[in-house]
PDB file of N, CA and C in Angstrom:
ATOM      1  N   MET A   1      72.060  19.986  25.211  1.00  0.00           N
ATOM      2  CA  MET A   1      71.698  18.588  25.051  1.00  0.00           C
ATOM      3  C   MET A   1      71.791  18.172  23.582  1.00  0.00           C
ATOM      4  N   LYS A   2      71.354  19.077  22.701  1.00  0.00           N
ATOM      5  CA  LYS A   2      71.422  18.769  21.276  1.00  0.00           C
ATOM      6  C   LYS A   2      72.870  18.528  20.845  1.00  0.00           C
ATOM      7  N   ARG A   3      73.786  19.278  21.430  1.00  0.00           N
ATOM      8  CA  ARG A   3      75.197  19.135  21.078  1.00  0.00           C
ATOM      9  C   ARG A   3      75.694  17.728  21.411  1.00  0.00           C
ATOM     10  N   TYR A   4      75.312  17.199  22.568  1.00  0.00           N
ATOM     11  CA  TYR A   4      75.728  15.850  22.973  1.00  0.00           C
ATOM     12  C   TYR A   4      75.132  14.788  22.056  1.00  0.00           C
ATOM     13  N   VAL A   5      73.896  14.967  21.686  1.00  0.00           N
ATOM     14  CA  VAL A   5      73.246  14.023  20.778  1.00  0.00           C
ATOM     15  C   VAL A   5      73.936  14.047  19.419  1.00  0.00           C
ATOM     16  N   MET A   6      74.262  15.242  18.930  1.00  0.00           N
ATOM     17  CA  MET A   6      74.959  15.368  17.647  1.00  0.00           C
ATOM     18  C   MET A   6      76.342  14.724  17.708  1.00  0.00           C
ATOM     19  N   LEU A   7      77.090  14.974  18.783  1.00  0.00           N
ATOM     20  CA  LEU A   7      78.426  14.374  18.925  1.00  0.00           C
ATOM     21  C   LEU A   7      78.337  12.858  19.001  1.00  0.00           C
ATOM     22  N   PHE A   8      77.377  12.362  19.788  1.00  0.00           N
ATOM     23  CA  PHE A   8      77.208  10.912  19.897  1.00  0.00           C
ATOM     24  C   PHE A   8      76.868  10.310  18.540  1.00  0.00           C
ATOM     25  N   SER A   9      75.973  10.960  17.798  1.00  0.00           N
ATOM     26  CA  SER A   9      75.591  10.467  16.468  1.00  0.00           C
ATOM     27  C   SER A   9      76.783  10.453  15.528  1.00  0.00           C
ATOM     28  N   LEU A  10      77.595  11.495  15.591  1.00  0.00           N
ATOM     29  CA  LEU A  10      78.779  11.575  14.739  1.00  0.00           C
ATOM     30  C   LEU A  10      79.759  10.445  15.050  1.00  0.00           C
ATOM     31  N   PHE A  11      80.059  10.219  16.323  1.00  0.00           N
ATOM     32  CA  PHE A  11      80.969   9.134  16.706  1.00  0.00           C
ATOM     33  C   PHE A  11      80.394   7.770  16.335  1.00  0.00           C
ATOM     34  N   PHE A  12      79.089   7.616  16.484  1.00  0.00           N
ATOM     35  CA  PHE A  12      78.442   6.349  16.134  1.00  0.00           C
ATOM     36  C   PHE A  12      78.574   6.070  14.637  1.00  0.00           C
ATOM     37  N   LEU A  13      78.306   7.075  13.809  1.00  0.00           N
ATOM     38  CA  LEU A  13      78.428   6.902  12.362  1.00  0.00           C
ATOM     39  C   LEU A  13      79.865   6.615  11.950  1.00  0.00           C
ATOM     40  N   MET A  14      80.825   7.285  12.583  1.00  0.00           N
ATOM     41  CA  MET A  14      82.229   7.041  12.259  1.00  0.00           C
ATOM     42  C   MET A  14      82.642   5.622  12.622  1.00  0.00           C
ATOM     43  N   SER A  15      82.155   5.111  13.743  1.00  0.00           N
ATOM     44  CA  SER A  15      82.499   3.744  14.136  1.00  0.00           C
ATOM     45  C   SER A  15      81.878   2.738  13.182  1.00  0.00           C
ATOM     46  N   LEU A  16      80.697   3.008  12.664  1.00  0.00           N
ATOM     47  CA  LEU A  16      80.091   2.120  11.670  1.00  0.00           C
ATOM     48  C   LEU A  16      80.912   2.090  10.388  1.00  0.00           C
ATOM     49  N   MET A  17      81.448   3.240   9.999  1.00  0.00           N
ATOM     50  CA  MET A  17      82.259   3.306   8.792  1.00  0.00           C
ATOM     51  C   MET A  17      83.534   2.493   8.941  1.00  0.00           C
ATOM     52  N   VAL A  18      84.112   2.472  10.121  1.00  0.00           N
ATOM     53  CA  VAL A  18      85.332   1.695  10.356  1.00  0.00           C
ATOM     54  C   VAL A  18      85.049   0.211  10.179  1.00  0.00           C
ATOM     55  N   PHE A  19      83.936  -0.264  10.723  1.00  0.00           N
ATOM     56  CA  PHE A  19      83.612  -1.684  10.600  1.00  0.00           C
ATOM     57  C   PHE A  19      83.200  -2.053   9.182  1.00  0.00           C
ATOM     58  N   ALA A  20      82.644  -1.137   8.439  1.00  0.00           N
ATOM     59  CA  ALA A  20      82.200  -1.408   7.081  1.00  0.00           C
ATOM     60  C   ALA A  20      83.345  -1.332   6.077  1.00  0.00           C
ATOM     61  N   ALA A  21      84.512  -0.902   6.504  1.00  0.00           N
ATOM     62  CA  ALA A  21      85.632  -0.700   5.601  1.00  0.00           C
ATOM     63  C   ALA A  21      86.140  -1.995   4.983  1.00  0.00           C
ATOM     64  N   GLY A  22      85.962  -3.128   5.622  1.00  0.00           N
ATOM     65  CA  GLY A  22      86.422  -4.397   5.078  1.00  0.00           C
ATOM     66  C   GLY A  22      87.870  -4.678   5.407  1.00  0.00           C
ATOM     67  N   PRO A  23      88.405  -5.733   4.789  1.00  0.00           N
ATOM     68  CA  PRO A  23      89.786  -6.107   5.079  1.00  0.00           C
ATOM     69  C   PRO A  23      90.781  -5.082   4.552  1.00  0.00           C
ATOM     70  N   LYS A  24      91.959  -5.112   5.131  1.00  0.00           N
ATOM     71  CA  LYS A  24      93.032  -4.189   4.765  1.00  0.00           C
ATOM     72  C   LYS A  24      93.477  -4.456   3.323  1.00  0.00           C
ATOM     73  N   THR A  25      93.867  -3.397   2.620  1.00  0.00           N
ATOM     74  CA  THR A  25      94.360  -3.513   1.252  1.00  0.00           C
ATOM     75  C   THR A  25      95.881  -3.430   1.260  1.00  0.00           C
ATOM     76  N   TYR A  26      96.517  -4.325   0.507  1.00  0.00           N
ATOM     77  CA  TYR A  26      97.977  -4.373   0.382  1.00  0.00           C
ATOM     78  C   TYR A  26      98.333  -4.132  -1.080  1.00  0.00           C
ATOM     79  N   GLN A  27      99.623  -3.981  -1.376  1.00  0.00           N
ATOM     80  CA  GLN A  27     100.017  -3.854  -2.772  1.00  0.00           C
ATOM     81  C   GLN A  27     101.375  -4.488  -3.018  1.00  0.00           C
ATOM     82  N   VAL A  28     101.563  -4.905  -4.265  1.00  0.00           N
ATOM     83  CA  VAL A  28     102.833  -5.456  -4.719  1.00  0.00           C
ATOM     84  C   VAL A  28     103.160  -4.769  -6.045  1.00  0.00           C
ATOM     85  N   THR A  29     104.436  -4.395  -6.220  1.00  0.00           N
ATOM     86  CA  THR A  29     104.874  -3.728  -7.441  1.00  0.00           C
ATOM     87  C   THR A  29     106.056  -4.480  -8.030  1.00  0.00           C
ATOM     88  N   GLY A  30     106.049  -4.645  -9.350  1.00  0.00           N
ATOM     89  CA  GLY A  30     107.151  -5.306 -10.031  1.00  0.00           C
ATOM     90  C   GLY A  30     106.789  -5.622 -11.462  1.00  0.00           C
ATOM     91  N   PRO A  31     107.741  -6.199 -12.206  1.00  0.00           N
ATOM     92  CA  PRO A  31     107.469  -6.550 -13.594  1.00  0.00           C
ATOM     93  C   PRO A  31     106.627  -7.830 -13.692  1.00  0.00           C
ATOM     94  N   ILE A  32     105.801  -7.887 -14.728  1.00  0.00           N
ATOM     95  CA  ILE A  32     105.001  -9.081 -14.990  1.00  0.00           C
ATOM     96  C   ILE A  32     105.911 -10.147 -15.587  1.00  0.00           C
ATOM     97  N   LEU A  33     105.935 -11.327 -14.981  1.00  0.00           N
ATOM     98  CA  LEU A  33     106.712 -12.447 -15.503  1.00  0.00           C
ATOM     99  C   LEU A  33     105.882 -13.336 -16.409  1.00  0.00           C
ATOM    100  N   ASP A  34     104.581 -13.482 -16.078  1.00  0.00           N
ATOM    101  CA  ASP A  34     103.737 -14.407 -16.825  1.00  0.00           C
ATOM    102  C   ASP A  34     102.269 -14.061 -16.601  1.00  0.00           C
ATOM    103  N   ILE A  35     101.459 -14.313 -17.596  1.00  0.00           N
ATOM    104  CA  ILE A  35     100.009 -14.186 -17.490  1.00  0.00           C
ATOM    105  C   ILE A  35      99.415 -15.440 -18.115  1.00  0.00           C
ATOM    106  N   LYS A  36      98.732 -16.227 -17.292  1.00  0.00           N
ATOM    107  CA  LYS A  36      98.091 -17.451 -17.790  1.00  0.00           C
ATOM    108  C   LYS A  36      96.660 -17.478 -17.283  1.00  0.00           C
ATOM    109  N   GLY A  37      95.716 -17.318 -18.198  1.00  0.00           N
ATOM    110  CA  GLY A  37      94.312 -17.347 -17.811  1.00  0.00           C
ATOM    111  C   GLY A  37      93.995 -16.257 -16.811  1.00  0.00           C
ATOM    112  N   ASP A  38      93.613 -16.662 -15.617  1.00  0.00           N
ATOM    113  CA  ASP A  38      93.234 -15.693 -14.585  1.00  0.00           C
ATOM    114  C   ASP A  38      94.303 -15.541 -13.508  1.00  0.00           C
ATOM    115  N   VAL A  39      95.561 -15.874 -13.833  1.00  0.00           N
ATOM    116  CA  VAL A  39      96.663 -15.751 -12.880  1.00  0.00           C
ATOM    117  C   VAL A  39      97.759 -14.881 -13.491  1.00  0.00           C
ATOM    118  N   ILE A  40      98.217 -13.895 -12.714  1.00  0.00           N
ATOM    119  CA  ILE A  40      99.319 -13.036 -13.135  1.00  0.00           C
ATOM    120  C   ILE A  40     100.481 -13.264 -12.169  1.00  0.00           C
ATOM    121  N   THR A  41     101.686 -13.422 -12.712  1.00  0.00           N
ATOM    122  CA  THR A  41     102.882 -13.629 -11.894  1.00  0.00           C
ATOM    123  C   THR A  41     103.741 -12.374 -11.971  1.00  0.00           C
ATOM    124  N   VAL A  42     104.086 -11.837 -10.782  1.00  0.00           N
ATOM    125  CA  VAL A  42     104.856 -10.603 -10.681  1.00  0.00           C
ATOM    126  C   VAL A  42     106.124 -10.884  -9.877  1.00  0.00           C
ATOM    127  N   GLN A  43     107.245 -10.302 -10.305  1.00  0.00           N
ATOM    128  CA  GLN A  43     108.519 -10.431  -9.589  1.00  0.00           C
ATOM    129  C   GLN A  43     108.619  -9.307  -8.574  1.00  0.00           C
ATOM    130  N   LYS A  44     108.763  -9.667  -7.292  1.00  0.00           N
ATOM    131  CA  LYS A  44     108.987  -8.669  -6.238  1.00  0.00           C
ATOM    132  C   LYS A  44     110.292  -9.038  -5.559  1.00  0.00           C
ATOM    133  N   GLY A  45     111.348  -8.299  -5.867  1.00  0.00           N
ATOM    134  CA  GLY A  45     112.669  -8.648  -5.331  1.00  0.00           C
ATOM    135  C   GLY A  45     113.079 -10.004  -5.870  1.00  0.00           C
ATOM    136  N   THR A  46     113.342 -10.940  -4.961  1.00  0.00           N
ATOM    137  CA  THR A  46     113.718 -12.292  -5.386  1.00  0.00           C
ATOM    138  C   THR A  46     112.524 -13.242  -5.382  1.00  0.00           C
ATOM    139  N   GLU A  47     111.347 -12.736  -5.006  1.00  0.00           N
ATOM    140  CA  GLU A  47     110.154 -13.580  -4.915  1.00  0.00           C
ATOM    141  C   GLU A  47     109.261 -13.431  -6.139  1.00  0.00           C
ATOM    142  N   LYS A  48     108.587 -14.528  -6.482  1.00  0.00           N
ATOM    143  CA  LYS A  48     107.588 -14.507  -7.542  1.00  0.00           C
ATOM    144  C   LYS A  48     106.216 -14.603  -6.891  1.00  0.00           C
ATOM    145  N   TRP A  49     105.365 -13.625  -7.155  1.00  0.00           N
ATOM    146  CA  TRP A  49     104.028 -13.561  -6.580  1.00  0.00           C
ATOM    147  C   TRP A  49     103.012 -13.944  -7.638  1.00  0.00           C
ATOM    148  N   GLU A  50     102.135 -14.888  -7.316  1.00  0.00           N
ATOM    149  CA  GLU A  50     101.034 -15.256  -8.190  1.00  0.00           C
ATOM    150  C   GLU A  50      99.747 -14.710  -7.592  1.00  0.00           C
ATOM    151  N   LEU A  51      99.030 -13.931  -8.388  1.00  0.00           N
ATOM    152  CA  LEU A  51      97.781 -13.340  -7.930  1.00  0.00           C
ATOM    153  C   LEU A  51      96.676 -13.676  -8.927  1.00  0.00           C
ATOM    154  N   ALA A  52      95.504 -13.984  -8.401  1.00  0.00           N
ATOM    155  CA  ALA A  52      94.360 -14.321  -9.241  1.00  0.00           C
ATOM    156  C   ALA A  52      93.657 -13.054  -9.710  1.00  0.00           C
ATOM    157  N   LEU A  53      93.207 -13.081 -10.954  1.00  0.00           N
ATOM    158  CA  LEU A  53      92.384 -12.018 -11.509  1.00  0.00           C
ATOM    159  C   LEU A  53      90.986 -12.590 -11.713  1.00  0.00           C
ATOM    160  N   ASP A  54      89.956 -11.777 -11.502  1.00  0.00           N
ATOM    161  CA  ASP A  54      88.601 -12.243 -11.789  1.00  0.00           C
ATOM    162  C   ASP A  54      87.834 -11.133 -12.489  1.00  0.00           C
ATOM    163  N   LYS A  55      86.547 -11.363 -12.719  1.00  0.00           N
ATOM    164  CA  LYS A  55      85.754 -10.403 -13.497  1.00  0.00           C
ATOM    165  C   LYS A  55      85.591  -9.058 -12.796  1.00  0.00           C
ATOM    166  N   THR A  56      85.844  -9.007 -11.480  1.00  0.00           N
ATOM    167  CA  THR A  56      85.710  -7.744 -10.756  1.00  0.00           C
ATOM    168  C   THR A  56      87.026  -6.959 -10.691  1.00  0.00           C
ATOM    169  N   THR A  57      88.126  -7.554 -11.176  1.00  0.00           N
ATOM    170  CA  THR A  57      89.427  -6.880 -11.148  1.00  0.00           C
ATOM    171  C   THR A  57      89.445  -5.744 -12.167  1.00  0.00           C
ATOM    172  N   LYS A  58      89.739  -4.542 -11.685  1.00  0.00           N
ATOM    173  CA  LYS A  58      89.828  -3.373 -12.568  1.00  0.00           C
ATOM    174  C   LYS A  58      91.255  -3.292 -13.099  1.00  0.00           C
ATOM    175  N   VAL A  59      91.398  -3.327 -14.418  1.00  0.00           N
ATOM    176  CA  VAL A  59      92.715  -3.252 -15.049  1.00  0.00           C
ATOM    177  C   VAL A  59      92.786  -1.957 -15.853  1.00  0.00           C
ATOM    178  N   THR A  60      93.811  -1.155 -15.570  1.00  0.00           N
ATOM    179  CA  THR A  60      94.037   0.076 -16.312  1.00  0.00           C
ATOM    180  C   THR A  60      95.308  -0.105 -17.121  1.00  0.00           C
ATOM    181  N   GLY A  61      95.214  -0.074 -18.435  1.00  0.00           N
ATOM    182  CA  GLY A  61      96.371  -0.267 -19.299  1.00  0.00           C
ATOM    183  C   GLY A  61      96.381  -1.662 -19.893  1.00  0.00           C
ATOM    184  N   ASP A  62      97.466  -1.975 -20.609  1.00  0.00           N
ATOM    185  CA  ASP A  62      97.613  -3.245 -21.322  1.00  0.00           C
ATOM    186  C   ASP A  62      98.511  -4.182 -20.522  1.00  0.00           C
ATOM    187  N   LEU A  63      97.947  -5.289 -20.056  1.00  0.00           N
ATOM    188  CA  LEU A  63      98.742  -6.277 -19.315  1.00  0.00           C
ATOM    189  C   LEU A  63      99.575  -7.090 -20.290  1.00  0.00           C
ATOM    190  N   LYS A  64     100.894  -7.011 -20.153  1.00  0.00           N
ATOM    191  CA  LYS A  64     101.759  -7.851 -20.973  1.00  0.00           C
ATOM    192  C   LYS A  64     103.054  -8.138 -20.216  1.00  0.00           C
ATOM    193  N   VAL A  65     103.659  -9.251 -20.525  1.00  0.00           N
ATOM    194  CA  VAL A  65     104.897  -9.669 -19.868  1.00  0.00           C
ATOM    195  C   VAL A  65     105.946  -8.577 -20.034  1.00  0.00           C
ATOM    196  N   GLY A  66     106.626  -8.253 -18.921  1.00  0.00           N
ATOM    197  CA  GLY A  66     107.667  -7.235 -18.920  1.00  0.00           C
ATOM    198  C   GLY A  66     107.186  -5.883 -18.429  1.00  0.00           C
ATOM    199  N   SER A  67     105.866  -5.630 -18.495  1.00  0.00           N
ATOM    200  CA  SER A  67     105.338  -4.355 -18.006  1.00  0.00           C
ATOM    201  C   SER A  67     105.440  -4.294 -16.495  1.00  0.00           C
ATOM    202  N   LYS A  68     105.748  -3.104 -15.971  1.00  0.00           N
ATOM    203  CA  LYS A  68     105.787  -2.920 -14.522  1.00  0.00           C
ATOM    204  C   LYS A  68     104.377  -2.585 -14.054  1.00  0.00           C
ATOM    205  N   VAL A  69     103.917  -3.295 -13.020  1.00  0.00           N
ATOM    206  CA  VAL A  69     102.570  -3.097 -12.505  1.00  0.00           C
ATOM    207  C   VAL A  69     102.595  -2.886 -10.997  1.00  0.00           C
ATOM    208  N   THR A  70     101.561  -2.241 -10.510  1.00  0.00           N
ATOM    209  CA  THR A  70     101.286  -2.173  -9.080  1.00  0.00           C
ATOM    210  C   THR A  70      99.917  -2.799  -8.901  1.00  0.00           C
ATOM    211  N   ILE A  71      99.852  -3.843  -8.098  1.00  0.00           N
ATOM    212  CA  ILE A  71      98.606  -4.578  -7.875  1.00  0.00           C
ATOM    213  C   ILE A  71      98.176  -4.375  -6.436  1.00  0.00           C
ATOM    214  N   GLU A  72      96.948  -3.928  -6.251  1.00  0.00           N
ATOM    215  CA  GLU A  72      96.370  -3.833  -4.927  1.00  0.00           C
ATOM    216  C   GLU A  72      95.537  -5.091  -4.707  1.00  0.00           C
ATOM    217  N   TYR A  73      95.667  -5.677  -3.516  1.00  0.00           N
ATOM    218  CA  TYR A  73      94.936  -6.912  -3.231  1.00  0.00           C
ATOM    219  C   TYR A  73      94.523  -6.942  -1.774  1.00  0.00           C
ATOM    220  N   GLN A  74      93.583  -7.826  -1.483  1.00  0.00           N
ATOM    221  CA  GLN A  74      93.136  -8.074  -0.116  1.00  0.00           C
ATOM    222  C   GLN A  74      93.226  -9.567   0.129  1.00  0.00           C
ATOM    223  N   MET A  75      93.589  -9.933   1.346  1.00  0.00           N
ATOM    224  CA  MET A  75      93.634 -11.345   1.696  1.00  0.00           C
ATOM    225  C   MET A  75      92.205 -11.822   1.931  1.00  0.00           C
ATOM    226  N   LYS A  76      91.891 -12.974   1.376  1.00  0.00           N
ATOM    227  CA  LYS A  76      90.533 -13.499   1.473  1.00  0.00           C
ATOM    228  C   LYS A  76      90.603 -14.991   1.768  1.00  0.00           C
ATOM    229  N   ALA A  77      89.871 -15.422   2.755  1.00  0.00           N
ATOM    230  CA  ALA A  77      89.820 -16.841   3.092  1.00  0.00           C
ATOM    231  C   ALA A  77      88.988 -17.573   2.041  1.00  0.00           C
ATOM    232  N   THR A  78      89.480 -18.716   1.577  1.00  0.00           N
ATOM    233  CA  THR A  78      88.705 -19.521   0.634  1.00  0.00           C
ATOM    234  C   THR A  78      88.052 -20.704   1.327  1.00  0.00           C
ATOM    235  N   THR A  79      88.695 -21.241   2.356  1.00  0.00           N
ATOM    236  CA  THR A  79      88.092 -22.288   3.182  1.00  0.00           C
ATOM    237  C   THR A  79      88.571 -22.114   4.616  1.00  0.00           C
ATOM    238  N   VAL A  80      87.746 -22.543   5.539  1.00  0.00           N
ATOM    239  CA  VAL A  80      88.112 -22.525   6.950  1.00  0.00           C
ATOM    240  C   VAL A  80      87.737 -23.885   7.522  1.00  0.00           C
ATOM    241  N   THR A  81      88.708 -24.601   8.066  1.00  0.00           N
ATOM    242  CA  THR A  81      88.477 -25.894   8.694  1.00  0.00           C
ATOM    243  C   THR A  81      88.767 -25.750  10.173  1.00  0.00           C
ATOM    244  N   VAL A  82      87.753 -26.010  10.975  1.00  0.00           N
ATOM    245  CA  VAL A  82      87.898 -25.879  12.423  1.00  0.00           C
ATOM    246  C   VAL A  82      88.157 -27.258  13.008  1.00  0.00           C
ATOM    247  N   LYS A  83      89.191 -27.357  13.817  1.00  0.00           N
ATOM    248  CA  LYS A  83      89.527 -28.615  14.480  1.00  0.00           C
ATOM    249  C   LYS A  83      89.304 -28.430  15.970  1.00  0.00           C
ATOM    250  N   PRO A  84      88.924 -29.494  16.656  1.00  0.00           N
ATOM    251  CA  PRO A  84      88.700 -29.348  18.096  1.00  0.00           C
ATOM    252  C   PRO A  84      89.983 -28.934  18.806  1.00  0.00           C
ATOM    253  N   ALA A  85      89.819 -28.126  19.826  1.00  0.00           N
ATOM    254  CA  ALA A  85      90.965 -27.681  20.612  1.00  0.00           C
ATOM    255  C   ALA A  85      91.555 -28.860  21.365  1.00  0.00           C
ATOM    256  N   ALA A  86      92.868 -28.864  21.478  1.00  0.00           N
ATOM    257  CA  ALA A  86      93.539 -29.934  22.224  1.00  0.00           C
ATOM    258  C   ALA A  86      93.186 -29.788  23.698  1.00  0.00           C
ATOM    259  N   PRO A  87      92.926 -30.907  24.363  1.00  0.00           N
ATOM    260  CA  PRO A  87      92.610 -30.806  25.795  1.00  0.00           C
ATOM    261  C   PRO A  87      93.810 -30.268  26.560  1.00  0.00           C
ATOM    262  N   LYS A  88      93.532 -29.460  27.556  1.00  0.00           N
ATOM    263  CA  LYS A  88      94.605 -28.908  28.390  1.00  0.00           C
ATOM    264  C   LYS A  88      95.144 -29.998  29.288  1.00  0.00           C
ATOM    265  N   PRO A  89      96.456 -30.059  29.426  1.00  0.00           N
ATOM    266  CA  PRO A  89      97.031 -31.079  30.328  1.00  0.00           C
ATOM    267  C   PRO A  89      96.644 -30.761  31.768  1.00  0.00           C
ATOM    268  N   ALA A  90      96.433 -31.813  32.522  1.00  0.00           N
ATOM    269  CA  ALA A  90      96.070 -31.636  33.940  1.00  0.00           C
ATOM    270  C   ALA A  90      97.216 -30.972  34.669  1.00  0.00           C
ATOM    271  N   SER A  91      96.893 -30.023  35.506  1.00  0.00           N
ATOM    272  CA  SER A  91      97.950 -29.349  36.258  1.00  0.00           C
ATOM    273  C   SER A  91      98.431 -30.289  37.375  1.00  0.00           C
ATOM    274  N   PRO A  92      99.709 -30.259  37.663  1.00  0.00           N
ATOM    275  CA  PRO A  92     100.229 -31.148  38.703  1.00  0.00           C
ATOM    276  C   PRO A  92      99.612 -30.808  40.056  1.00  0.00           C
ATOM    277  N   ALA A  93      99.357 -31.862  40.830  1.00  0.00           N
ATOM    278  CA  ALA A  93      98.765 -31.674  42.151  1.00  0.00           C
ATOM    279  C   ALA A  93      99.774 -31.001  43.076  1.00  0.00           C
ATOM    280  N   LYS A  94      99.286 -30.094  43.885  1.00  0.00           N
ATOM    281  CA  LYS A  94     100.166 -29.393  44.817  1.00  0.00           C
ATOM    282  C   LYS A  94     100.270 -30.234  46.097  1.00  0.00           C
ATOM    283  N   HIS A  95     101.484 -30.429  46.549  1.00  0.00           N
ATOM    284  CA  HIS A  95     101.702 -31.152  47.798  1.00  0.00           C
ATOM    285  C   HIS A  95     102.009 -30.132  48.880  1.00  0.00           C
ATOM    286  N   SER A  96     101.385 -30.315  50.022  1.00  0.00           N
ATOM    287  CA  SER A  96     101.650 -29.382  51.104  1.00  0.00           C
ATOM    288  C   SER A  96     102.609 -29.949  52.105  1.00  0.00           C
TER     289      SER A  96
END
């Protein structure tokens, strides 16, 4: 019986860790094109990525234009606007 309780506790703790992990982390790598205030612009292929930096951003090394960087980031909602759902169209009447 103790074995089942231990296994259940282990699975329960592991499931809590999964939910506590937070949003997925992504990364972008490329040369720095520009740094203005709290925004860094990085070239990824043919795209220019603008990412915000804040006081919690950990920076290792000297950020300067031309340096190659790898930036890890998470997507974060800044605002959410909920609109009412569109009414479903009435289904056509069945004729027998």
